[in-house]
Amino acid sequence: MTSKPFLLLKNNHSLLSNTIINYRKTVKNDNKMKFNNIGVRIGENVKLGKNVRLGDYVTIYDNTTIGDNTVICEHSVIGEPLSGYYRDPNYENPATYIGGNSIIRTHCTVYAGNHIGEGFSSGHYMILREHNKIGINCSVGNTSEFHGYVTIGDYCRLHSKVSLGKQAKFGNFIYMGPYCGTAEDPLPPSLICDAPVVGDFTYITVYVCILSGVRVGKCCLLGAKSNLVTNTIIPDYSITIGSPAKRVMDIRDFKSQYNEYQQYYPWMYNFDRGTPWQGMDFDKWAKANDVEVERFK
């Protein structure tokens, strides 16, 4: 019989208690402030890796896999059933995957169908709607929300209060500041979805709005409060400002305010914390990984 995550957690007390007992036997919890095994609920076909720690009142729904050394903090929900669960008697929860060495902070909700790469880190109250794909070593800040079917690459850093509309597509090594968002509908409300695409190594500052049909190239800098209106095309190596946002210069012409003779951008040549080229020459790393960046015009 097809499992029902919500009914399972409400009614099948014997299955839940057995699951919790097994969890207690396999995980050593030294920090009693967060990990007391109080109210932990685990559904069917859930696979927990080695040294996974679940905080108090965590719920893990059916068909979820969590990789080794991952921490799910208290009051978080993983594999939240989709709306079809409440209408379809044959509903089956889509598979949810969270890679190893990740941490999900308190009060987060990860819907079913998400695939999250290893090394992920969230803030508090993050919401990931269904079927997002997140690369390795990414972070998403407090109260941020993905609205479903979003794709982001590796080593992306998204700050607090970020909202990504459906099907937004981000490349690798993208930074996004607080209060930024994307939208996918060019004629709201409609069923049209033309989500924006943002290229590798682009830095999105604060209060930036990226609307439907927008295409942003690689190694760009989107200035504070830039409003990228529908169908705006931003070439590689651009700096944008304004509403509507306009390209004002090539990013490689921008000089540091602290040293007028220093070319600061592309930023990868001057910043390496938390990157795979940390402590080494960026060009050497880029060559070894078939990454093409033109440092000079």
C-alpha atoms as a PDB file:
ATOM      1  CA  MET A   1       0.000   0.000   0.000  1.00  0.00           C
ATOM      2  CA  THR A   2       1.318   3.451  -0.891  1.00  0.00           C
ATOM      3  CA  SER A   3       2.620   5.233   2.187  1.00  0.00           C
ATOM      4  CA  LYS A   4       1.109   8.440   3.502  1.00  0.00           C
ATOM      5  CA  PRO A   5       3.700  10.595   5.259  1.00  0.00           C
ATOM      6  CA  PHE A   6       1.206  12.691   7.234  1.00  0.00           C
ATOM      7  CA  LEU A   7      -0.952   9.738   8.240  1.00  0.00           C
ATOM      8  CA  LEU A   8       2.163   7.766   9.079  1.00  0.00           C
ATOM      9  CA  LEU A   9       3.274  10.414  11.506  1.00  0.00           C
ATOM     10  CA  LYS A  10      -0.186  10.864  12.970  1.00  0.00           C
ATOM     11  CA  ASN A  11      -1.286   7.266  13.375  1.00  0.00           C
ATOM     12  CA  ASN A  12       1.455   4.671  13.022  1.00  0.00           C
ATOM     13  CA  HIS A  13       2.961   5.183  16.472  1.00  0.00           C
ATOM     14  CA  SER A  14       4.633   1.768  16.667  1.00  0.00           C
ATOM     15  CA  LEU A  15       6.622   2.339  13.465  1.00  0.00           C
ATOM     16  CA  LEU A  16       7.691   5.770  14.620  1.00  0.00           C
ATOM     17  CA  SER A  17       8.755   4.607  18.059  1.00  0.00           C
ATOM     18  CA  ASN A  18      10.842   1.794  16.579  1.00  0.00           C
ATOM     19  CA  THR A  19      12.482   4.238  14.206  1.00  0.00           C
ATOM     20  CA  ILE A  20      13.318   6.608  17.035  1.00  0.00           C
ATOM     21  CA  ILE A  21      14.767   3.776  19.151  1.00  0.00           C
ATOM     22  CA  ASN A  22      17.030   2.721  16.266  1.00  0.00           C
ATOM     23  CA  TYR A  23      18.094   6.325  15.774  1.00  0.00           C
ATOM     24  CA  ARG A  24      19.019   6.584  19.453  1.00  0.00           C
ATOM     25  CA  LYS A  25      21.108   3.450  19.260  1.00  0.00           C
ATOM     26  CA  THR A  26      23.136   4.548  16.239  1.00  0.00           C
ATOM     27  CA  VAL A  27      23.801   8.214  17.038  1.00  0.00           C
ATOM     28  CA  LYS A  28      25.763   9.530  19.979  1.00  0.00           C
ATOM     29  CA  ASN A  29      24.460  12.924  21.065  1.00  0.00           C
ATOM     30  CA  ASP A  30      26.906  14.749  23.312  1.00  0.00           C
ATOM     31  CA  ASN A  31      25.193  18.138  23.050  1.00  0.00           C
ATOM     32  CA  LYS A  32      22.059  17.793  25.170  1.00  0.00           C
ATOM     33  CA  MET A  33      20.847  21.316  24.494  1.00  0.00           C
ATOM     34  CA  LYS A  34      19.744  20.485  20.965  1.00  0.00           C
ATOM     35  CA  PHE A  35      19.860  16.727  20.507  1.00  0.00           C
ATOM     36  CA  ASN A  36      17.699  15.008  23.120  1.00  0.00           C
ATOM     37  CA  ASN A  37      15.724  12.817  20.663  1.00  0.00           C
ATOM     38  CA  ILE A  38      12.522  14.522  21.771  1.00  0.00           C
ATOM     39  CA  GLY A  39       9.701  14.482  19.227  1.00  0.00           C
ATOM     40  CA  VAL A  40      11.823  13.186  16.327  1.00  0.00           C
ATOM     41  CA  ARG A  41       9.557  11.731  13.613  1.00  0.00           C
ATOM     42  CA  ILE A  42      10.870   9.590  10.759  1.00  0.00           C
ATOM     43  CA  GLY A  43       8.819   8.225   7.845  1.00  0.00           C
ATOM     44  CA  GLU A  44       9.270   5.198   5.606  1.00  0.00           C
ATOM     45  CA  ASN A  45      12.227   4.534   3.313  1.00  0.00           C
ATOM     46  CA  VAL A  46      14.387   7.118   5.071  1.00  0.00           C
ATOM     47  CA  LYS A  47      18.144   6.595   4.818  1.00  0.00           C
ATOM     48  CA  LEU A  48      20.387   8.328   7.330  1.00  0.00           C
ATOM     49  CA  GLY A  49      24.146   8.337   6.771  1.00  0.00           C
ATOM     50  CA  LYS A  50      26.810   7.942   9.416  1.00  0.00           C
ATOM     51  CA  ASN A  51      26.880  10.482  12.252  1.00  0.00           C
ATOM     52  CA  VAL A  52      23.696  12.225  11.146  1.00  0.00           C
ATOM     53  CA  ARG A  53      22.278  14.297  14.023  1.00  0.00           C
ATOM     54  CA  LEU A  54      18.608  15.244  14.263  1.00  0.00           C
ATOM     55  CA  GLY A  55      17.523  18.021  16.611  1.00  0.00           C
ATOM     56  CA  ASP A  56      14.436  17.888  18.776  1.00  0.00           C
ATOM     57  CA  TYR A  57      11.061  17.919  16.997  1.00  0.00           C
ATOM     58  CA  VAL A  58      12.565  17.252  13.561  1.00  0.00           C
ATOM     59  CA  THR A  59      10.307  15.521  11.032  1.00  0.00           C
ATOM     60  CA  ILE A  60      11.761  13.478   8.162  1.00  0.00           C
ATOM     61  CA  TYR A  61       9.116  12.384   5.655  1.00  0.00           C
ATOM     62  CA  ASP A  62       9.151   9.348   3.351  1.00  0.00           C
ATOM     63  CA  ASN A  63      11.790   8.682   0.677  1.00  0.00           C
ATOM     64  CA  THR A  64      14.441  10.973   2.110  1.00  0.00           C
ATOM     65  CA  THR A  65      18.194  10.357   2.061  1.00  0.00           C
ATOM     66  CA  ILE A  66      20.560  12.349   4.282  1.00  0.00           C
ATOM     67  CA  GLY A  67      24.320  12.036   3.800  1.00  0.00           C
ATOM     68  CA  ASP A  68      27.034  11.410   6.383  1.00  0.00           C
ATOM     69  CA  ASN A  69      27.836  13.970   9.092  1.00  0.00           C
ATOM     70  CA  THR A  70      24.826  16.139   8.327  1.00  0.00           C
ATOM     71  CA  VAL A  71      22.995  18.050  11.066  1.00  0.00           C
ATOM     72  CA  ILE A  72      19.287  18.858  10.941  1.00  0.00           C
ATOM     73  CA  CYS A  73      18.506  21.304  13.738  1.00  0.00           C
ATOM     74  CA  GLU A  74      15.360  21.413  15.831  1.00  0.00           C
ATOM     75  CA  HIS A  75      11.855  22.050  14.479  1.00  0.00           C
ATOM     76  CA  SER A  76      12.909  21.497  10.852  1.00  0.00           C
ATOM     77  CA  VAL A  77      10.910  19.479   8.313  1.00  0.00           C
ATOM     78  CA  ILE A  78      12.623  17.524   5.547  1.00  0.00           C
ATOM     79  CA  GLY A  79      10.698  16.005   2.611  1.00  0.00           C
ATOM     80  CA  GLU A  80       7.511  17.994   3.240  1.00  0.00           C
ATOM     81  CA  PRO A  81       4.757  16.414   1.093  1.00  0.00           C
ATOM     82  CA  LEU A  82       3.555  18.305  -1.979  1.00  0.00           C
ATOM     83  CA  SER A  83      -0.002  19.527  -2.466  1.00  0.00           C
ATOM     84  CA  GLY A  84      -0.937  16.333  -4.324  1.00  0.00           C
ATOM     85  CA  TYR A  85      -0.707  14.438  -1.064  1.00  0.00           C
ATOM     86  CA  TYR A  86      -3.894  16.059   0.180  1.00  0.00           C
ATOM     87  CA  ARG A  87      -5.886  15.207  -2.972  1.00  0.00           C
ATOM     88  CA  ASP A  88      -4.463  12.000  -4.466  1.00  0.00           C
ATOM     89  CA  PRO A  89      -5.117   8.764  -2.539  1.00  0.00           C
ATOM     90  CA  ASN A  90      -2.204   7.158  -4.450  1.00  0.00           C
ATOM     91  CA  TYR A  91       0.258   9.937  -3.729  1.00  0.00           C
ATOM     92  CA  GLU A  92       3.890   8.902  -3.311  1.00  0.00           C
ATOM     93  CA  ASN A  93       6.383  11.349  -1.865  1.00  0.00           C
ATOM     94  CA  PRO A  94       9.142  12.308  -4.351  1.00  0.00           C
ATOM     95  CA  ALA A  95      12.679  11.446  -3.298  1.00  0.00           C
ATOM     96  CA  THR A  96      14.551  14.086  -1.310  1.00  0.00           C
ATOM     97  CA  TYR A  97      18.332  14.145  -0.993  1.00  0.00           C
ATOM     98  CA  ILE A  98      20.612  16.193   1.266  1.00  0.00           C
ATOM     99  CA  GLY A  99      24.338  15.627   0.759  1.00  0.00           C
ATOM    100  CA  GLY A 100      26.855  14.901   3.466  1.00  0.00           C
ATOM    101  CA  ASN A 101      28.522  17.452   5.738  1.00  0.00           C
ATOM    102  CA  SER A 102      25.530  19.779   5.539  1.00  0.00           C
ATOM    103  CA  ILE A 103      23.727  21.748   8.220  1.00  0.00           C
ATOM    104  CA  ILE A 104      20.079  22.779   8.196  1.00  0.00           C
ATOM    105  CA  ARG A 105      19.396  25.363  10.906  1.00  0.00           C
ATOM    106  CA  THR A 106      16.277  25.575  13.061  1.00  0.00           C
ATOM    107  CA  HIS A 107      12.718  25.929  11.720  1.00  0.00           C
ATOM    108  CA  CYS A 108      13.575  25.196   8.076  1.00  0.00           C
ATOM    109  CA  THR A 109      11.231  23.440   5.632  1.00  0.00           C
ATOM    110  CA  VAL A 110      12.612  21.449   2.707  1.00  0.00           C
ATOM    111  CA  TYR A 111       9.851  20.142   0.449  1.00  0.00           C
ATOM    112  CA  ALA A 112       9.981  16.767  -1.250  1.00  0.00           C
ATOM    113  CA  GLY A 113      11.920  16.434  -4.492  1.00  0.00           C
ATOM    114  CA  ASN A 114      14.835  18.667  -3.554  1.00  0.00           C
ATOM    115  CA  HIS A 115      18.364  17.543  -4.385  1.00  0.00           C
ATOM    116  CA  ILE A 116      20.962  19.380  -2.294  1.00  0.00           C
ATOM    117  CA  GLY A 117      24.679  18.810  -2.790  1.00  0.00           C
ATOM    118  CA  GLU A 118      27.188  18.106  -0.032  1.00  0.00           C
ATOM    119  CA  GLY A 119      28.515  20.874   2.168  1.00  0.00           C
ATOM    120  CA  PHE A 120      25.235  22.822   2.194  1.00  0.00           C
ATOM    121  CA  SER A 121      24.516  25.339   4.938  1.00  0.00           C
ATOM    122  CA  SER A 122      21.261  27.144   5.678  1.00  0.00           C
ATOM    123  CA  GLY A 123      20.177  29.950   7.938  1.00  0.00           C
ATOM    124  CA  HIS A 124      17.067  29.770  10.112  1.00  0.00           C
ATOM    125  CA  TYR A 125      13.510  29.617   8.692  1.00  0.00           C
ATOM    126  CA  MET A 126      14.667  28.833   5.162  1.00  0.00           C
ATOM    127  CA  ILE A 127      11.983  27.391   2.849  1.00  0.00           C
ATOM    128  CA  LEU A 128      12.834  25.314  -0.215  1.00  0.00           C
ATOM    129  CA  ARG A 129       9.759  24.457  -2.238  1.00  0.00           C
ATOM    130  CA  GLU A 130       9.718  21.352  -4.427  1.00  0.00           C
ATOM    131  CA  HIS A 131      12.276  20.041  -6.937  1.00  0.00           C
ATOM    132  CA  ASN A 132      15.132  22.497  -6.564  1.00  0.00           C
ATOM    133  CA  LYS A 133      18.644  21.424  -7.535  1.00  0.00           C
ATOM    134  CA  ILE A 134      21.473  22.899  -5.471  1.00  0.00           C
ATOM    135  CA  GLY A 135      25.152  22.249  -6.155  1.00  0.00           C
ATOM    136  CA  ILE A 136      27.924  21.500  -3.678  1.00  0.00           C
ATOM    137  CA  ASN A 137      29.154  23.847  -0.940  1.00  0.00           C
ATOM    138  CA  CYS A 138      26.300  26.330  -1.201  1.00  0.00           C
ATOM    139  CA  SER A 139      24.672  28.405   1.517  1.00  0.00           C
ATOM    140  CA  VAL A 140      21.241  30.031   1.808  1.00  0.00           C
ATOM    141  CA  GLY A 141      20.537  32.605   4.526  1.00  0.00           C
ATOM    142  CA  ASN A 142      17.813  33.224   7.086  1.00  0.00           C
ATOM    143  CA  THR A 143      14.176  33.373   5.893  1.00  0.00           C
ATOM    144  CA  SER A 144      15.144  32.902   2.241  1.00  0.00           C
ATOM    145  CA  GLU A 145      12.811  30.996  -0.073  1.00  0.00           C
ATOM    146  CA  PHE A 146      13.128  29.077  -3.338  1.00  0.00           C
ATOM    147  CA  HIS A 147       9.749  28.792  -5.067  1.00  0.00           C
ATOM    148  CA  GLY A 148      10.424  25.506  -6.824  1.00  0.00           C
ATOM    149  CA  TYR A 149      12.369  24.030  -9.756  1.00  0.00           C
ATOM    150  CA  VAL A 150      15.252  26.430  -9.122  1.00  0.00           C
ATOM    151  CA  THR A 151      18.760  25.403 -10.201  1.00  0.00           C
ATOM    152  CA  ILE A 152      21.899  26.860  -8.657  1.00  0.00           C
ATOM    153  CA  GLY A 153      25.430  25.673  -9.289  1.00  0.00           C
ATOM    154  CA  ASP A 154      28.358  24.996  -6.983  1.00  0.00           C
ATOM    155  CA  TYR A 155      29.769  27.339  -4.321  1.00  0.00           C
ATOM    156  CA  CYS A 156      26.884  29.818  -4.469  1.00  0.00           C
ATOM    157  CA  ARG A 157      26.362  32.088  -1.465  1.00  0.00           C
ATOM    158  CA  LEU A 158      22.864  33.521  -1.042  1.00  0.00           C
ATOM    159  CA  HIS A 159      22.290  35.880   1.859  1.00  0.00           C
ATOM    160  CA  SER A 160      19.222  36.371   4.075  1.00  0.00           C
ATOM    161  CA  LYS A 161      15.751  37.291   2.791  1.00  0.00           C
ATOM    162  CA  VAL A 162      16.422  36.155  -0.764  1.00  0.00           C
ATOM    163  CA  SER A 163      13.468  35.026  -2.901  1.00  0.00           C
ATOM    164  CA  LEU A 164      14.058  33.000  -6.077  1.00  0.00           C
ATOM    165  CA  GLY A 165      11.034  32.482  -8.337  1.00  0.00           C
ATOM    166  CA  LYS A 166      10.265  29.245 -10.130  1.00  0.00           C
ATOM    167  CA  GLN A 167      12.863  27.853 -12.529  1.00  0.00           C
ATOM    168  CA  ALA A 168      15.465  30.535 -11.842  1.00  0.00           C
ATOM    169  CA  LYS A 169      18.843  29.301 -13.055  1.00  0.00           C
ATOM    170  CA  PHE A 170      22.110  30.391 -11.458  1.00  0.00           C
ATOM    171  CA  GLY A 171      25.576  29.279 -12.491  1.00  0.00           C
ATOM    172  CA  ASN A 172      28.543  28.563 -10.222  1.00  0.00           C
ATOM    173  CA  PHE A 173      30.214  30.878  -7.673  1.00  0.00           C
ATOM    174  CA  ILE A 174      27.362  33.386  -7.553  1.00  0.00           C
ATOM    175  CA  TYR A 175      26.954  35.697  -4.573  1.00  0.00           C
ATOM    176  CA  MET A 176      23.581  37.287  -3.804  1.00  0.00           C
ATOM    177  CA  GLY A 177      23.071  39.885  -1.088  1.00  0.00           C
ATOM    178  CA  PRO A 178      20.042  40.359   1.176  1.00  0.00           C
ATOM    179  CA  TYR A 179      16.606  41.461  -0.038  1.00  0.00           C
ATOM    180  CA  CYS A 180      17.203  40.331  -3.619  1.00  0.00           C
ATOM    181  CA  GLY A 181      14.745  38.376  -5.725  1.00  0.00           C
ATOM    182  CA  THR A 182      13.816  36.957  -9.115  1.00  0.00           C
ATOM    183  CA  ALA A 183      10.482  36.565 -10.888  1.00  0.00           C
ATOM    184  CA  GLU A 184       9.484  34.312 -13.777  1.00  0.00           C
ATOM    185  CA  ASP A 185       6.114  35.588 -15.050  1.00  0.00           C
ATOM    186  CA  PRO A 186       6.274  38.326 -17.752  1.00  0.00           C
ATOM    187  CA  LEU A 187       2.508  38.943 -17.647  1.00  0.00           C
ATOM    188  CA  PRO A 188       1.400  38.357 -14.066  1.00  0.00           C
ATOM    189  CA  PRO A 189      -0.812  36.602 -13.351  1.00  0.00           C
ATOM    190  CA  SER A 190      -0.304  34.060 -16.128  1.00  0.00           C
ATOM    191  CA  LEU A 191       0.959  30.529 -16.698  1.00  0.00           C
ATOM    192  CA  ILE A 192       3.957  31.791 -18.687  1.00  0.00           C
ATOM    193  CA  CYS A 193       7.325  30.972 -17.135  1.00  0.00           C
ATOM    194  CA  ASP A 194      10.433  32.655 -18.527  1.00  0.00           C
ATOM    195  CA  ALA A 195      12.784  32.551 -15.579  1.00  0.00           C
ATOM    196  CA  PRO A 196      16.009  34.585 -15.483  1.00  0.00           C
ATOM    197  CA  VAL A 197      19.467  33.075 -15.990  1.00  0.00           C
ATOM    198  CA  VAL A 198      22.603  34.350 -14.237  1.00  0.00           C
ATOM    199  CA  GLY A 199      26.130  33.421 -15.323  1.00  0.00           C
ATOM    200  CA  ASP A 200      29.117  32.171 -13.313  1.00  0.00           C
ATOM    201  CA  PHE A 201      31.071  34.432 -10.929  1.00  0.00           C
ATOM    202  CA  THR A 202      28.441  37.174 -10.906  1.00  0.00           C
ATOM    203  CA  TYR A 203      27.998  39.228  -7.725  1.00  0.00           C
ATOM    204  CA  ILE A 204      24.478  40.470  -6.985  1.00  0.00           C
ATOM    205  CA  THR A 205      24.623  43.135  -4.280  1.00  0.00           C
ATOM    206  CA  VAL A 206      21.517  44.219  -2.262  1.00  0.00           C
ATOM    207  CA  TYR A 207      17.882  45.004  -3.119  1.00  0.00           C
ATOM    208  CA  VAL A 208      18.377  43.767  -6.675  1.00  0.00           C
ATOM    209  CA  CYS A 209      15.283  42.742  -8.646  1.00  0.00           C
ATOM    210  CA  ILE A 210      15.724  40.365 -11.615  1.00  0.00           C
ATOM    211  CA  LEU A 211      12.555  39.913 -13.659  1.00  0.00           C
ATOM    212  CA  SER A 212      11.455  37.373 -16.266  1.00  0.00           C
ATOM    213  CA  GLY A 213      13.449  36.805 -19.421  1.00  0.00           C
ATOM    214  CA  VAL A 214      16.575  38.469 -18.018  1.00  0.00           C
ATOM    215  CA  ARG A 215      19.936  37.034 -19.051  1.00  0.00           C
ATOM    216  CA  VAL A 216      23.004  38.044 -17.058  1.00  0.00           C
ATOM    217  CA  GLY A 217      26.445  37.047 -18.286  1.00  0.00           C
ATOM    218  CA  LYS A 218      29.408  35.842 -16.286  1.00  0.00           C
ATOM    219  CA  CYS A 219      31.624  37.956 -14.031  1.00  0.00           C
ATOM    220  CA  CYS A 220      29.087  40.770 -13.662  1.00  0.00           C
ATOM    221  CA  LEU A 221      28.404  43.118 -10.750  1.00  0.00           C
ATOM    222  CA  LEU A 222      24.771  44.121 -10.261  1.00  0.00           C
ATOM    223  CA  GLY A 223      24.778  47.301  -8.209  1.00  0.00           C
ATOM    224  CA  ALA A 224      22.514  48.003  -5.247  1.00  0.00           C
ATOM    225  CA  LYS A 225      18.834  48.454  -6.153  1.00  0.00           C
ATOM    226  CA  SER A 226      19.429  47.502  -9.770  1.00  0.00           C
ATOM    227  CA  ASN A 227      16.068  46.710 -11.366  1.00  0.00           C
ATOM    228  CA  LEU A 228      16.611  44.344 -14.271  1.00  0.00           C
ATOM    229  CA  VAL A 229      13.281  44.647 -16.097  1.00  0.00           C
ATOM    230  CA  THR A 230      11.795  41.945 -18.306  1.00  0.00           C
ATOM    231  CA  ASN A 231      14.035  40.659 -21.120  1.00  0.00           C
ATOM    232  CA  THR A 232      17.068  42.747 -20.142  1.00  0.00           C
ATOM    233  CA  ILE A 233      20.315  41.316 -21.523  1.00  0.00           C
ATOM    234  CA  ILE A 234      23.484  42.038 -19.542  1.00  0.00           C
ATOM    235  CA  PRO A 235      26.726  41.055 -21.330  1.00  0.00           C
ATOM    236  CA  ASP A 236      29.676  39.360 -19.631  1.00  0.00           C
ATOM    237  CA  TYR A 237      31.935  41.560 -17.455  1.00  0.00           C
ATOM    238  CA  SER A 238      29.311  44.278 -16.909  1.00  0.00           C
ATOM    239  CA  ILE A 239      28.532  46.607 -14.028  1.00  0.00           C
ATOM    240  CA  THR A 240      24.883  47.651 -13.812  1.00  0.00           C
ATOM    241  CA  ILE A 241      23.099  50.335 -11.808  1.00  0.00           C
ATOM    242  CA  GLY A 242      19.708  51.996 -11.802  1.00  0.00           C
ATOM    243  CA  SER A 243      16.039  51.323 -12.479  1.00  0.00           C
ATOM    244  CA  PRO A 244      15.754  50.152 -15.148  1.00  0.00           C
ATOM    245  CA  ALA A 245      19.267  48.765 -14.801  1.00  0.00           C
ATOM    246  CA  LYS A 246      21.826  49.830 -17.390  1.00  0.00           C
ATOM    247  CA  ARG A 247      25.332  48.673 -18.136  1.00  0.00           C
ATOM    248  CA  VAL A 248      27.618  51.513 -17.129  1.00  0.00           C
ATOM    249  CA  MET A 249      31.080  50.050 -17.646  1.00  0.00           C
ATOM    250  CA  ASP A 250      33.212  46.988 -18.162  1.00  0.00           C
ATOM    251  CA  ILE A 251      33.933  45.499 -14.746  1.00  0.00           C
ATOM    252  CA  ARG A 252      37.620  45.157 -15.645  1.00  0.00           C
ATOM    253  CA  ASP A 253      37.912  48.949 -15.828  1.00  0.00           C
ATOM    254  CA  PHE A 254      36.784  49.371 -12.223  1.00  0.00           C
ATOM    255  CA  LYS A 255      39.561  50.359  -9.830  1.00  0.00           C
ATOM    256  CA  SER A 256      39.675  49.783  -6.106  1.00  0.00           C
ATOM    257  CA  GLN A 257      38.758  52.840  -4.022  1.00  0.00           C
ATOM    258  CA  TYR A 258      41.664  51.884  -1.774  1.00  0.00           C
ATOM    259  CA  ASN A 259      44.189  51.660  -4.608  1.00  0.00           C
ATOM    260  CA  GLU A 260      43.479  53.421  -7.885  1.00  0.00           C
ATOM    261  CA  TYR A 261      46.127  51.349  -9.609  1.00  0.00           C
ATOM    262  CA  GLN A 262      44.613  48.001  -8.592  1.00  0.00           C
ATOM    263  CA  GLN A 263      42.218  46.160 -10.868  1.00  0.00           C
ATOM    264  CA  TYR A 264      39.863  44.519  -8.376  1.00  0.00           C
ATOM    265  CA  TYR A 265      37.512  42.650 -10.729  1.00  0.00           C
ATOM    266  CA  PRO A 266      37.003  39.880 -11.705  1.00  0.00           C
ATOM    267  CA  TRP A 267      36.840  39.336  -7.939  1.00  0.00           C
ATOM    268  CA  MET A 268      38.303  35.805  -8.055  1.00  0.00           C
ATOM    269  CA  TYR A 269      41.803  37.262  -8.405  1.00  0.00           C
ATOM    270  CA  ASN A 270      41.476  39.109  -5.096  1.00  0.00           C
ATOM    271  CA  PHE A 271      39.255  36.904  -2.946  1.00  0.00           C
ATOM    272  CA  ASP A 272      39.547  33.188  -2.235  1.00  0.00           C
ATOM    273  CA  ARG A 273      37.976  32.455   1.157  1.00  0.00           C
ATOM    274  CA  GLY A 274      35.878  29.292   1.021  1.00  0.00           C
ATOM    275  CA  THR A 275      36.680  28.664  -2.646  1.00  0.00           C
ATOM    276  CA  PRO A 276      38.420  25.656  -4.222  1.00  0.00           C
ATOM    277  CA  TRP A 277      41.312  27.912  -5.287  1.00  0.00           C
ATOM    278  CA  GLN A 278      41.921  29.143  -1.732  1.00  0.00           C
ATOM    279  CA  GLY A 279      45.651  29.514  -1.138  1.00  0.00           C
ATOM    280  CA  MET A 280      46.573  29.052  -4.778  1.00  0.00           C
ATOM    281  CA  ASP A 281      46.661  31.018  -8.015  1.00  0.00           C
ATOM    282  CA  PHE A 282      43.182  31.372  -9.556  1.00  0.00           C
ATOM    283  CA  ASP A 283      44.479  31.044 -13.108  1.00  0.00           C
ATOM    284  CA  LYS A 284      46.111  27.742 -12.223  1.00  0.00           C
ATOM    285  CA  TRP A 285      42.867  26.435 -10.742  1.00  0.00           C
ATOM    286  CA  ALA A 286      40.833  27.712 -13.689  1.00  0.00           C
ATOM    287  CA  LYS A 287      43.111  26.034 -16.222  1.00  0.00           C
ATOM    288  CA  ALA A 288      42.948  22.710 -14.362  1.00  0.00           C
ATOM    289  CA  ASN A 289      39.132  22.889 -14.321  1.00  0.00           C
ATOM    290  CA  ASP A 290      38.534  24.189 -17.865  1.00  0.00           C
ATOM    291  CA  VAL A 291      37.148  27.500 -16.595  1.00  0.00           C
ATOM    292  CA  GLU A 292      37.566  30.428 -18.970  1.00  0.00           C
ATOM    293  CA  VAL A 293      37.862  33.931 -17.527  1.00  0.00           C
ATOM    294  CA  GLU A 294      39.366  36.937 -19.322  1.00  0.00           C
ATOM    295  CA  ARG A 295      41.099  38.952 -16.640  1.00  0.00           C
ATOM    296  CA  PHE A 296      41.988  41.790 -18.993  1.00  0.00           C
ATOM    297  CA  LYS A 297      40.022  43.366 -21.835  1.00  0.00           C
END
